[in-house]
Amino acid sequence: MTLFKPFLTAVIICLLFQQSSAQSDSLLRDAGLEQLTQYALRHKPGVKQSYIDQEVGERDIKSALSGWLPQVNGDASFNHNIKQQVNALTTDGQTNYIVFGTKNVSSVVL
C-alpha cells in the first residue's frame, strides 16, 4: 500500500504532462511561421536571456556616454562666529583690545 501511492502519483503526473504536451503539439501543428516564431520567443530561455543582455548592454552604453556630458558642481558655505577672538595689545602702558576676524563668513563656488 505504501508503494502504491507514489506509483499512482507518478503515473498521474506522466499522464497530465503527456496530455498537455499533446495539446501544445496539436496547436503547433496548425500554427503558421509567425505563430511558431512567437511561441519560440516566449518559451525559449536563451531568447529571454538575450533580450535581458541587450537591455543591460544599452544601459552600459548610456552610462559610459554620460561621462562625456558636461558636469556642473556647486558648493556653498556660511559661518557665523558667535564670539570673535579678542587680543590685548599693550603699547606705552595702555592696553587696547583688538577684535580679529569677522562676524560672518560666506562663500559660493561653482
PDB file of N, CA and C in Angstrom:
ATOM      1  N   MET A   1       0.816  -1.197   0.000  1.00  0.00           N
ATOM      2  CA  MET A   1       0.000   0.000   0.000  1.00  0.00           C
ATOM      3  C   MET A   1       0.862   1.264   0.000  1.00  0.00           C
ATOM      4  N   THR A   2       1.987   1.212   0.710  1.00  0.00           N
ATOM      5  CA  THR A   2       2.837   2.402   0.774  1.00  0.00           C
ATOM      6  C   THR A   2       3.527   2.654  -0.555  1.00  0.00           C
ATOM      7  N   LEU A   3       3.828   1.634  -1.351  1.00  0.00           N
ATOM      8  CA  LEU A   3       4.450   1.824  -2.657  1.00  0.00           C
ATOM      9  C   LEU A   3       3.423   2.186  -3.720  1.00  0.00           C
ATOM     10  N   PHE A   4       2.178   1.888  -3.469  1.00  0.00           N
ATOM     11  CA  PHE A   4       1.133   2.130  -4.455  1.00  0.00           C
ATOM     12  C   PHE A   4       0.865   3.629  -4.631  1.00  0.00           C
ATOM     13  N   LYS A   5       0.854   4.420  -3.540  1.00  0.00           N
ATOM     14  CA  LYS A   5       0.545   5.851  -3.627  1.00  0.00           C
ATOM     15  C   LYS A   5       1.593   6.614  -4.445  1.00  0.00           C
ATOM     16  N   PRO A   6       2.907   6.419  -4.199  1.00  0.00           N
ATOM     17  CA  PRO A   6       3.884   7.134  -5.030  1.00  0.00           C
ATOM     18  C   PRO A   6       3.823   6.705  -6.495  1.00  0.00           C
ATOM     19  N   PHE A   7       3.571   5.406  -6.732  1.00  0.00           N
ATOM     20  CA  PHE A   7       3.470   4.913  -8.101  1.00  0.00           C
ATOM     21  C   PHE A   7       2.276   5.547  -8.812  1.00  0.00           C
ATOM     22  N   LEU A   8       1.136   5.597  -8.124  1.00  0.00           N
ATOM     23  CA  LEU A   8      -0.070   6.187  -8.705  1.00  0.00           C
ATOM     24  C   LEU A   8       0.141   7.678  -8.977  1.00  0.00           C
ATOM     25  N   THR A   9       0.798   8.364  -8.062  1.00  0.00           N
ATOM     26  CA  THR A   9       1.081   9.795  -8.250  1.00  0.00           C
ATOM     27  C   THR A   9       1.966  10.003  -9.469  1.00  0.00           C
ATOM     28  N   ALA A  10       2.993   9.185  -9.627  1.00  0.00           N
ATOM     29  CA  ALA A  10       3.898   9.301 -10.776  1.00  0.00           C
ATOM     30  C   ALA A  10       3.157   9.049 -12.079  1.00  0.00           C
ATOM     31  N   VAL A  11       2.266   8.069 -12.107  1.00  0.00           N
ATOM     32  CA  VAL A  11       1.506   7.763 -13.319  1.00  0.00           C
ATOM     33  C   VAL A  11       0.589   8.932 -13.676  1.00  0.00           C
ATOM     34  N   ILE A  12      -0.066   9.516 -12.693  1.00  0.00           N
ATOM     35  CA  ILE A  12      -0.978  10.642 -12.947  1.00  0.00           C
ATOM     36  C   ILE A  12      -0.201  11.842 -13.493  1.00  0.00           C
ATOM     37  N   ILE A  13       0.964  12.116 -12.904  1.00  0.00           N
ATOM     38  CA  ILE A  13       1.776  13.240 -13.373  1.00  0.00           C
ATOM     39  C   ILE A  13       2.223  13.008 -14.814  1.00  0.00           C
ATOM     40  N   CYS A  14       2.649  11.800 -15.127  1.00  0.00           N
ATOM     41  CA  CYS A  14       3.068  11.484 -16.502  1.00  0.00           C
ATOM     42  C   CYS A  14       1.917  11.650 -17.485  1.00  0.00           C
ATOM     43  N   LEU A  15       0.724  11.195 -17.108  1.00  0.00           N
ATOM     44  CA  LEU A  15      -0.426  11.328 -17.995  1.00  0.00           C
ATOM     45  C   LEU A  15      -0.805  12.788 -18.211  1.00  0.00           C
ATOM     46  N   LEU A  16      -0.762  13.586 -17.151  1.00  0.00           N
ATOM     47  CA  LEU A  16      -1.078  15.009 -17.292  1.00  0.00           C
ATOM     48  C   LEU A  16      -0.056  15.714 -18.177  1.00  0.00           C
ATOM     49  N   PHE A  17       1.216  15.392 -17.982  1.00  0.00           N
ATOM     50  CA  PHE A  17       2.264  16.010 -18.781  1.00  0.00           C
ATOM     51  C   PHE A  17       2.137  15.603 -20.244  1.00  0.00           C
ATOM     52  N   GLN A  18       1.818  14.339 -20.483  1.00  0.00           N
ATOM     53  CA  GLN A  18       1.669  13.852 -21.849  1.00  0.00           C
ATOM     54  C   GLN A  18       0.470  14.518 -22.518  1.00  0.00           C
ATOM     55  N   GLN A  19      -0.610  14.710 -21.768  1.00  0.00           N
ATOM     56  CA  GLN A  19      -1.802  15.338 -22.327  1.00  0.00           C
ATOM     57  C   GLN A  19      -1.526  16.802 -22.658  1.00  0.00           C
ATOM     58  N   SER A  20      -0.828  17.531 -21.765  1.00  0.00           N
ATOM     59  CA  SER A  20      -0.559  18.939 -22.029  1.00  0.00           C
ATOM     60  C   SER A  20       0.407  19.096 -23.194  1.00  0.00           C
ATOM     61  N   SER A  21       1.396  18.188 -23.319  1.00  0.00           N
ATOM     62  CA  SER A  21       2.309  18.287 -24.455  1.00  0.00           C
ATOM     63  C   SER A  21       1.591  17.918 -25.752  1.00  0.00           C
ATOM     64  N   ALA A  22       0.618  16.998 -25.690  1.00  0.00           N
ATOM     65  CA  ALA A  22      -0.147  16.646 -26.883  1.00  0.00           C
ATOM     66  C   ALA A  22      -0.986  17.833 -27.338  1.00  0.00           C
ATOM     67  N   GLN A  23      -1.564  18.584 -26.367  1.00  0.00           N
ATOM     68  CA  GLN A  23      -2.348  19.760 -26.729  1.00  0.00           C
ATOM     69  C   GLN A  23      -1.464  20.819 -27.370  1.00  0.00           C
ATOM     70  N   SER A  24      -0.272  21.049 -26.794  1.00  0.00           N
ATOM     71  CA  SER A  24       0.605  22.060 -27.370  1.00  0.00           C
ATOM     72  C   SER A  24       1.122  21.609 -28.733  1.00  0.00           C
ATOM     73  N   ASP A  25       1.352  20.281 -28.905  1.00  0.00           N
ATOM     74  CA  ASP A  25       1.788  19.780 -30.204  1.00  0.00           C
ATOM     75  C   ASP A  25       0.714  19.994 -31.266  1.00  0.00           C
ATOM     76  N   SER A  26      -0.555  19.775 -30.906  1.00  0.00           N
ATOM     77  CA  SER A  26      -1.627  19.977 -31.881  1.00  0.00           C
ATOM     78  C   SER A  26      -1.774  21.456 -32.224  1.00  0.00           C
ATOM     79  N   LEU A  27      -1.546  22.337 -31.257  1.00  0.00           N
ATOM     80  CA  LEU A  27      -1.597  23.771 -31.538  1.00  0.00           C
ATOM     81  C   LEU A  27      -0.440  24.179 -32.440  1.00  0.00           C
ATOM     82  N   LEU A  28       0.724  23.608 -32.212  1.00  0.00           N
ATOM     83  CA  LEU A  28       1.879  23.956 -33.033  1.00  0.00           C
ATOM     84  C   LEU A  28       1.781  23.365 -34.434  1.00  0.00           C
ATOM     85  N   ARG A  29       1.087  22.242 -34.562  1.00  0.00           N
ATOM     86  CA  ARG A  29       0.941  21.616 -35.878  1.00  0.00           C
ATOM     87  C   ARG A  29       0.125  22.503 -36.811  1.00  0.00           C
ATOM     88  N   ASP A  30      -0.862  23.214 -36.261  1.00  0.00           N
ATOM     89  CA  ASP A  30      -1.737  24.051 -37.081  1.00  0.00           C
ATOM     90  C   ASP A  30      -1.228  25.490 -37.182  1.00  0.00           C
ATOM     91  N   ALA A  31      -0.109  25.787 -36.549  1.00  0.00           N
ATOM     92  CA  ALA A  31       0.379  27.166 -36.490  1.00  0.00           C
ATOM     93  C   ALA A  31       1.163  27.523 -37.741  1.00  0.00           C
ATOM     94  N   GLY A  32       1.196  28.838 -38.022  1.00  0.00           N
ATOM     95  CA  GLY A  32       1.983  29.340 -39.140  1.00  0.00           C
ATOM     96  C   GLY A  32       3.375  29.750 -38.665  1.00  0.00           C
ATOM     97  N   LEU A  33       4.148  30.275 -39.576  1.00  0.00           N
ATOM     98  CA  LEU A  33       5.526  30.660 -39.259  1.00  0.00           C
ATOM     99  C   LEU A  33       5.572  31.751 -38.199  1.00  0.00           C
ATOM    100  N   GLU A  34       4.701  32.738 -38.325  1.00  0.00           N
ATOM    101  CA  GLU A  34       4.690  33.840 -37.348  1.00  0.00           C
ATOM    102  C   GLU A  34       4.309  33.331 -35.957  1.00  0.00           C
ATOM    103  N   GLN A  35       3.329  32.450 -35.869  1.00  0.00           N
ATOM    104  CA  GLN A  35       2.920  31.902 -34.577  1.00  0.00           C
ATOM    105  C   GLN A  35       4.012  31.022 -33.975  1.00  0.00           C
ATOM    106  N   LEU A  36       4.687  30.244 -34.814  1.00  0.00           N
ATOM    107  CA  LEU A  36       5.793  29.428 -34.316  1.00  0.00           C
ATOM    108  C   LEU A  36       6.940  30.287 -33.804  1.00  0.00           C
ATOM    109  N   THR A  37       7.203  31.364 -34.504  1.00  0.00           N
ATOM    110  CA  THR A  37       8.260  32.276 -34.058  1.00  0.00           C
ATOM    111  C   THR A  37       7.897  32.900 -32.726  1.00  0.00           C
ATOM    112  N   GLN A  38       6.665  33.356 -32.582  1.00  0.00           N
ATOM    113  CA  GLN A  38       6.227  33.953 -31.316  1.00  0.00           C
ATOM    114  C   GLN A  38       6.275  32.920 -30.185  1.00  0.00           C
ATOM    115  N   TYR A  39       5.890  31.684 -30.469  1.00  0.00           N
ATOM    116  CA  TYR A  39       5.943  30.619 -29.455  1.00  0.00           C
ATOM    117  C   TYR A  39       7.385  30.383 -29.010  1.00  0.00           C
ATOM    118  N   ALA A  40       8.291  30.331 -29.966  1.00  0.00           N
ATOM    119  CA  ALA A  40       9.702  30.101 -29.638  1.00  0.00           C
ATOM    120  C   ALA A  40      10.268  31.257 -28.818  1.00  0.00           C
ATOM    121  N   LEU A  41       9.892  32.475 -29.177  1.00  0.00           N
ATOM    122  CA  LEU A  41      10.398  33.637 -28.438  1.00  0.00           C
ATOM    123  C   LEU A  41       9.879  33.670 -27.003  1.00  0.00           C
ATOM    124  N   ARG A  42       8.646  33.215 -26.800  1.00  0.00           N
ATOM    125  CA  ARG A  42       8.068  33.230 -25.454  1.00  0.00           C
ATOM    126  C   ARG A  42       8.594  32.102 -24.583  1.00  0.00           C
ATOM    127  N   HIS A  43       8.878  30.935 -25.167  1.00  0.00           N
ATOM    128  CA  HIS A  43       9.181  29.757 -24.358  1.00  0.00           C
ATOM    129  C   HIS A  43      10.650  29.353 -24.332  1.00  0.00           C
ATOM    130  N   LYS A  44      11.506  30.016 -25.067  1.00  0.00           N
ATOM    131  CA  LYS A  44      12.924  29.651 -25.098  1.00  0.00           C
ATOM    132  C   LYS A  44      13.691  30.502 -24.086  1.00  0.00           C
ATOM    133  N   PRO A  45      14.280  29.910 -23.056  1.00  0.00           N
ATOM    134  CA  PRO A  45      15.000  30.694 -22.046  1.00  0.00           C
ATOM    135  C   PRO A  45      16.194  31.454 -22.615  1.00  0.00           C
ATOM    136  N   GLY A  46      16.851  30.897 -23.616  1.00  0.00           N
ATOM    137  CA  GLY A  46      18.006  31.583 -24.209  1.00  0.00           C
ATOM    138  C   GLY A  46      17.616  32.893 -24.870  1.00  0.00           C
ATOM    139  N   VAL A  47      16.431  32.908 -25.485  1.00  0.00           N
ATOM    140  CA  VAL A  47      15.953  34.135 -26.138  1.00  0.00           C
ATOM    141  C   VAL A  47      15.639  35.194 -25.092  1.00  0.00           C
ATOM    142  N   LYS A  48      14.997  34.783 -24.007  1.00  0.00           N
ATOM    143  CA  LYS A  48      14.693  35.733 -22.934  1.00  0.00           C
ATOM    144  C   LYS A  48      15.982  36.315 -22.355  1.00  0.00           C
ATOM    145  N   GLN A  49      16.981  35.455 -22.174  1.00  0.00           N
ATOM    146  CA  GLN A  49      18.255  35.920 -21.622  1.00  0.00           C
ATOM    147  C   GLN A  49      18.948  36.882 -22.588  1.00  0.00           C
ATOM    148  N   SER A  50      18.821  36.640 -23.887  1.00  0.00           N
ATOM    149  CA  SER A  50      19.454  37.548 -24.848  1.00  0.00           C
ATOM    150  C   SER A  50      18.779  38.916 -24.836  1.00  0.00           C
ATOM    151  N   TYR A  51      17.457  38.965 -24.633  1.00  0.00           N
ATOM    152  CA  TYR A  51      16.774  40.254 -24.501  1.00  0.00           C
ATOM    153  C   TYR A  51      17.260  40.998 -23.258  1.00  0.00           C
ATOM    154  N   ILE A  52      17.412  40.278 -22.169  1.00  0.00           N
ATOM    155  CA  ILE A  52      17.907  40.898 -20.933  1.00  0.00           C
ATOM    156  C   ILE A  52      19.331  41.402 -21.133  1.00  0.00           C
ATOM    157  N   ASP A  53      20.173  40.603 -21.795  1.00  0.00           N
ATOM    158  CA  ASP A  53      21.552  41.024 -22.063  1.00  0.00           C
ATOM    159  C   ASP A  53      21.590  42.269 -22.945  1.00  0.00           C
ATOM    160  N   GLN A  54      20.682  42.356 -23.900  1.00  0.00           N
ATOM    161  CA  GLN A  54      20.623  43.521 -24.774  1.00  0.00           C
ATOM    162  C   GLN A  54      20.255  44.774 -23.976  1.00  0.00           C
ATOM    163  N   GLU A  55      19.285  44.659 -23.069  1.00  0.00           N
ATOM    164  CA  GLU A  55      18.903  45.804 -22.241  1.00  0.00           C
ATOM    165  C   GLU A  55      20.053  46.237 -21.336  1.00  0.00           C
ATOM    166  N   VAL A  56      20.765  45.273 -20.768  1.00  0.00           N
ATOM    167  CA  VAL A  56      21.906  45.599 -19.910  1.00  0.00           C
ATOM    168  C   VAL A  56      22.990  46.299 -20.721  1.00  0.00           C
ATOM    169  N   GLY A  57      23.227  45.826 -21.942  1.00  0.00           N
ATOM    170  CA  GLY A  57      24.221  46.459 -22.808  1.00  0.00           C
ATOM    171  C   GLY A  57      23.855  47.895 -23.150  1.00  0.00           C
ATOM    172  N   GLU A  58      22.584  48.132 -23.433  1.00  0.00           N
ATOM    173  CA  GLU A  58      22.148  49.502 -23.741  1.00  0.00           C
ATOM    174  C   GLU A  58      22.315  50.416 -22.535  1.00  0.00           C
ATOM    175  N   ARG A  59      22.036  49.920 -21.340  1.00  0.00           N
ATOM    176  CA  ARG A  59      22.228  50.733 -20.135  1.00  0.00           C
ATOM    177  C   ARG A  59      23.708  51.012 -19.890  1.00  0.00           C
ATOM    178  N   ASP A  60      24.560  50.030 -20.163  1.00  0.00           N
ATOM    179  CA  ASP A  60      26.004  50.243 -20.011  1.00  0.00           C
ATOM    180  C   ASP A  60      26.512  51.305 -20.974  1.00  0.00           C
ATOM    181  N   ILE A  61      25.994  51.285 -22.208  1.00  0.00           N
ATOM    182  CA  ILE A  61      26.393  52.285 -23.190  1.00  0.00           C
ATOM    183  C   ILE A  61      25.963  53.672 -22.736  1.00  0.00           C
ATOM    184  N   LYS A  62      24.734  53.804 -22.258  1.00  0.00           N
ATOM    185  CA  LYS A  62      24.263  55.107 -21.766  1.00  0.00           C
ATOM    186  C   LYS A  62      25.093  55.579 -20.587  1.00  0.00           C
ATOM    187  N   SER A  63      25.459  54.662 -19.710  1.00  0.00           N
ATOM    188  CA  SER A  63      26.275  55.023 -18.553  1.00  0.00           C
ATOM    189  C   SER A  63      27.659  55.498 -18.990  1.00  0.00           C
ATOM    190  N   ALA A  64      28.247  54.826 -19.979  1.00  0.00           N
ATOM    191  CA  ALA A  64      29.569  55.219 -20.459  1.00  0.00           C
ATOM    192  C   ALA A  64      29.517  56.566 -21.176  1.00  0.00           C
ATOM    193  N   LEU A  65      28.460  56.808 -21.929  1.00  0.00           N
ATOM    194  CA  LEU A  65      28.340  58.082 -22.644  1.00  0.00           C
ATOM    195  C   LEU A  65      28.069  59.252 -21.705  1.00  0.00           C
ATOM    196  N   SER A  66      27.546  58.985 -20.533  1.00  0.00           N
ATOM    197  CA  SER A  66      27.250  60.074 -19.600  1.00  0.00           C
ATOM    198  C   SER A  66      28.518  60.769 -19.134  1.00  0.00           C
ATOM    199  N   GLY A  67      29.667  60.104 -19.219  1.00  0.00           N
ATOM    200  CA  GLY A  67      30.929  60.740 -18.852  1.00  0.00           C
ATOM    201  C   GLY A  67      31.318  61.858 -19.800  1.00  0.00           C
ATOM    202  N   TRP A  68      30.765  61.855 -21.007  1.00  0.00           N
ATOM    203  CA  TRP A  68      31.080  62.886 -21.991  1.00  0.00           C
ATOM    204  C   TRP A  68      30.168  64.112 -21.848  1.00  0.00           C
ATOM    205  N   LEU A  69      29.144  64.018 -21.044  1.00  0.00           N
ATOM    206  CA  LEU A  69      28.234  65.152 -20.860  1.00  0.00           C
ATOM    207  C   LEU A  69      28.866  66.184 -19.930  1.00  0.00           C
ATOM    208  N   PRO A  70      28.472  67.446 -20.046  1.00  0.00           N
ATOM    209  CA  PRO A  70      29.023  68.471 -19.149  1.00  0.00           C
ATOM    210  C   PRO A  70      28.622  68.201 -17.698  1.00  0.00           C
ATOM    211  N   GLN A  71      29.533  68.520 -16.799  1.00  0.00           N
ATOM    212  CA  GLN A  71      29.296  68.320 -15.374  1.00  0.00           C
ATOM    213  C   GLN A  71      29.205  69.681 -14.689  1.00  0.00           C
ATOM    214  N   VAL A  72      28.288  69.839 -13.783  1.00  0.00           N
ATOM    215  CA  VAL A  72      28.139  71.074 -13.011  1.00  0.00           C
ATOM    216  C   VAL A  72      28.193  70.711 -11.539  1.00  0.00           C
ATOM    217  N   ASN A  73      29.099  71.343 -10.821  1.00  0.00           N
ATOM    218  CA  ASN A  73      29.229  71.128  -9.384  1.00  0.00           C
ATOM    219  C   ASN A  73      29.085  72.459  -8.668  1.00  0.00           C
ATOM    220  N   GLY A  74      28.540  72.447  -7.494  1.00  0.00           N
ATOM    221  CA  GLY A  74      28.392  73.664  -6.711  1.00  0.00           C
ATOM    222  C   GLY A  74      28.615  73.397  -5.238  1.00  0.00           C
ATOM    223  N   ASP A  75      29.060  74.446  -4.535  1.00  0.00           N
ATOM    224  CA  ASP A  75      29.297  74.325  -3.109  1.00  0.00           C
ATOM    225  C   ASP A  75      29.050  75.687  -2.479  1.00  0.00           C
ATOM    226  N   ALA A  76      28.441  75.711  -1.322  1.00  0.00           N
ATOM    227  CA  ALA A  76      28.201  76.955  -0.602  1.00  0.00           C
ATOM    228  C   ALA A  76      28.432  76.713   0.878  1.00  0.00           C
ATOM    229  N   SER A  77      28.934  77.745   1.552  1.00  0.00           N
ATOM    230  CA  SER A  77      29.132  77.623   2.995  1.00  0.00           C
ATOM    231  C   SER A  77      28.867  78.966   3.656  1.00  0.00           C
ATOM    232  N   PHE A  78      28.479  78.901   4.932  1.00  0.00           N
ATOM    233  CA  PHE A  78      28.220  80.102   5.724  1.00  0.00           C
ATOM    234  C   PHE A  78      28.630  79.814   7.156  1.00  0.00           C
ATOM    235  N   ASN A  79      29.472  80.683   7.724  1.00  0.00           N
ATOM    236  CA  ASN A  79      29.899  80.541   9.116  1.00  0.00           C
ATOM    237  C   ASN A  79      29.521  81.799   9.877  1.00  0.00           C
ATOM    238  N   HIS A  80      28.918  81.604  11.018  1.00  0.00           N
ATOM    239  CA  HIS A  80      28.575  82.717  11.909  1.00  0.00           C
ATOM    240  C   HIS A  80      29.391  82.528  13.184  1.00  0.00           C
ATOM    241  N   ASN A  81      30.312  83.455  13.448  1.00  0.00           N
ATOM    242  CA  ASN A  81      31.153  83.385  14.643  1.00  0.00           C
ATOM    243  C   ASN A  81      30.416  84.040  15.801  1.00  0.00           C
ATOM    244  N   ILE A  82      30.016  83.233  16.761  1.00  0.00           N
ATOM    245  CA  ILE A  82      29.272  83.747  17.906  1.00  0.00           C
ATOM    246  C   ILE A  82      30.139  84.693  18.723  1.00  0.00           C
ATOM    247  N   LYS A  83      31.358  84.292  18.945  1.00  0.00           N
ATOM    248  CA  LYS A  83      32.278  85.126  19.709  1.00  0.00           C
ATOM    249  C   LYS A  83      33.563  85.238  18.911  1.00  0.00           C
ATOM    250  N   GLN A  84      33.982  86.461  18.644  1.00  0.00           N
ATOM    251  CA  GLN A  84      35.197  86.669  17.886  1.00  0.00           C
ATOM    252  C   GLN A  84      36.404  86.707  18.818  1.00  0.00           C
ATOM    253  N   GLN A  85      37.556  86.390  18.241  1.00  0.00           N
ATOM    254  CA  GLN A  85      38.789  86.382  19.014  1.00  0.00           C
ATOM    255  C   GLN A  85      39.207  87.821  19.343  1.00  0.00           C
ATOM    256  N   VAL A  86      39.521  88.032  20.598  1.00  0.00           N
ATOM    257  CA  VAL A  86      39.962  89.367  21.064  1.00  0.00           C
ATOM    258  C   VAL A  86      41.353  89.216  21.657  1.00  0.00           C
ATOM    259  N   ASN A  87      42.275  90.071  21.210  1.00  0.00           N
ATOM    260  CA  ASN A  87      43.638  90.094  21.747  1.00  0.00           C
ATOM    261  C   ASN A  87      43.926  91.443  22.381  1.00  0.00           C
ATOM    262  N   ALA A  88      44.665  91.395  23.462  1.00  0.00           N
ATOM    263  CA  ALA A  88      45.054  92.643  24.145  1.00  0.00           C
ATOM    264  C   ALA A  88      46.395  93.090  23.591  1.00  0.00           C
ATOM    265  N   LEU A  89      46.467  94.334  23.193  1.00  0.00           N
ATOM    266  CA  LEU A  89      47.694  94.915  22.675  1.00  0.00           C
ATOM    267  C   LEU A  89      48.082  96.076  23.591  1.00  0.00           C
ATOM    268  N   THR A  90      49.243  95.938  24.227  1.00  0.00           N
ATOM    269  CA  THR A  90      49.686  96.975  25.162  1.00  0.00           C
ATOM    270  C   THR A  90      50.814  97.780  24.522  1.00  0.00           C
ATOM    271  N   THR A  91      50.594  99.062  24.409  1.00  0.00           N
ATOM    272  CA  THR A  91      51.627  99.979  23.911  1.00  0.00           C
ATOM    273  C   THR A  91      51.680 101.187  24.831  1.00  0.00           C
ATOM    274  N   ASP A  92      52.890 101.553  25.268  1.00  0.00           N
ATOM    275  CA  ASP A  92      53.118 102.697  26.161  1.00  0.00           C
ATOM    276  C   ASP A  92      52.267 102.609  27.425  1.00  0.00           C
ATOM    277  N   GLY A  93      52.098 101.412  27.940  1.00  0.00           N
ATOM    278  CA  GLY A  93      51.356 101.236  29.177  1.00  0.00           C
ATOM    279  C   GLY A  93      49.855 101.269  29.016  1.00  0.00           C
ATOM    280  N   GLN A  94      49.394 101.439  27.830  1.00  0.00           N
ATOM    281  CA  GLN A  94      47.957 101.488  27.596  1.00  0.00           C
ATOM    282  C   GLN A  94      47.548 100.210  26.860  1.00  0.00           C
ATOM    283  N   THR A  95      46.507  99.540  27.360  1.00  0.00           N
ATOM    284  CA  THR A  95      46.049  98.288  26.768  1.00  0.00           C
ATOM    285  C   THR A  95      44.856  98.559  25.863  1.00  0.00           C
ATOM    286  N   ASN A  96      44.996  98.087  24.647  1.00  0.00           N
ATOM    287  CA  ASN A  96      43.893  98.188  23.679  1.00  0.00           C
ATOM    288  C   ASN A  96      43.464  96.773  23.304  1.00  0.00           C
ATOM    289  N   TYR A  97      42.169  96.558  23.192  1.00  0.00           N
ATOM    290  CA  TYR A  97      41.650  95.263  22.790  1.00  0.00           C
ATOM    291  C   TYR A  97      41.287  95.318  21.307  1.00  0.00           C
ATOM    292  N   ILE A  98      41.864  94.372  20.583  1.00  0.00           N
ATOM    293  CA  ILE A  98      41.645  94.332  19.136  1.00  0.00           C
ATOM    294  C   ILE A  98      40.866  93.062  18.811  1.00  0.00           C
ATOM    295  N   VAL A  99      39.794  93.208  18.029  1.00  0.00           N
ATOM    296  CA  VAL A  99      38.963  92.074  17.602  1.00  0.00           C
ATOM    297  C   VAL A  99      39.491  91.581  16.251  1.00  0.00           C
ATOM    298  N   PHE A 100      39.773  90.272  16.193  1.00  0.00           N
ATOM    299  CA  PHE A 100      40.255  89.668  14.956  1.00  0.00           C
ATOM    300  C   PHE A 100      39.121  88.902  14.274  1.00  0.00           C
ATOM    301  N   GLY A 101      39.210  88.798  12.967  1.00  0.00           N
ATOM    302  CA  GLY A 101      38.221  88.026  12.214  1.00  0.00           C
ATOM    303  C   GLY A 101      36.974  88.822  11.924  1.00  0.00           C
ATOM    304  N   THR A 102      36.020  88.166  11.340  1.00  0.00           N
ATOM    305  CA  THR A 102      34.751  88.811  11.007  1.00  0.00           C
ATOM    306  C   THR A 102      33.610  88.035  11.652  1.00  0.00           C
ATOM    307  N   LYS A 103      32.484  88.693  11.783  1.00  0.00           N
ATOM    308  CA  LYS A 103      31.328  88.077  12.422  1.00  0.00           C
ATOM    309  C   LYS A 103      30.726  86.968  11.553  1.00  0.00           C
ATOM    310  N   ASN A 104      30.607  87.231  10.254  1.00  0.00           N
ATOM    311  CA  ASN A 104      30.018  86.260   9.334  1.00  0.00           C
ATOM    312  C   ASN A 104      30.952  86.039   8.156  1.00  0.00           C
ATOM    313  N   VAL A 105      31.065  84.776   7.725  1.00  0.00           N
ATOM    314  CA  VAL A 105      31.886  84.440   6.564  1.00  0.00           C
ATOM    315  C   VAL A 105      31.036  83.546   5.665  1.00  0.00           C
ATOM    316  N   SER A 106      31.002  83.864   4.372  1.00  0.00           N
ATOM    317  CA  SER A 106      30.247  83.025   3.432  1.00  0.00           C
ATOM    318  C   SER A 106      31.024  82.892   2.140  1.00  0.00           C
ATOM    319  N   SER A 107      30.746  81.806   1.435  1.00  0.00           N
ATOM    320  CA  SER A 107      31.389  81.602   0.130  1.00  0.00           C
ATOM    321  C   SER A 107      30.483  80.733  -0.744  1.00  0.00           C
ATOM    322  N   VAL A 108      30.564  80.987  -2.037  1.00  0.00           N
ATOM    323  CA  VAL A 108      29.830  80.189  -3.023  1.00  0.00           C
ATOM    324  C   VAL A 108      30.808  79.863  -4.138  1.00  0.00           C
ATOM    325  N   VAL A 109      30.873  78.570  -4.515  1.00  0.00           N
ATOM    326  CA  VAL A 109      31.791  78.121  -5.568  1.00  0.00           C
ATOM    327  C   VAL A 109      30.989  77.299  -6.572  1.00  0.00           C
ATOM    328  N   LEU A 110      31.161  77.600  -7.850  1.00  0.00           N
ATOM    329  CA  LEU A 110      30.549  76.817  -8.924  1.00  0.00           C
ATOM    330  C   LEU A 110      31.614  76.137  -9.733  1.00  0.00           C
TER     331      LEU A 110
END
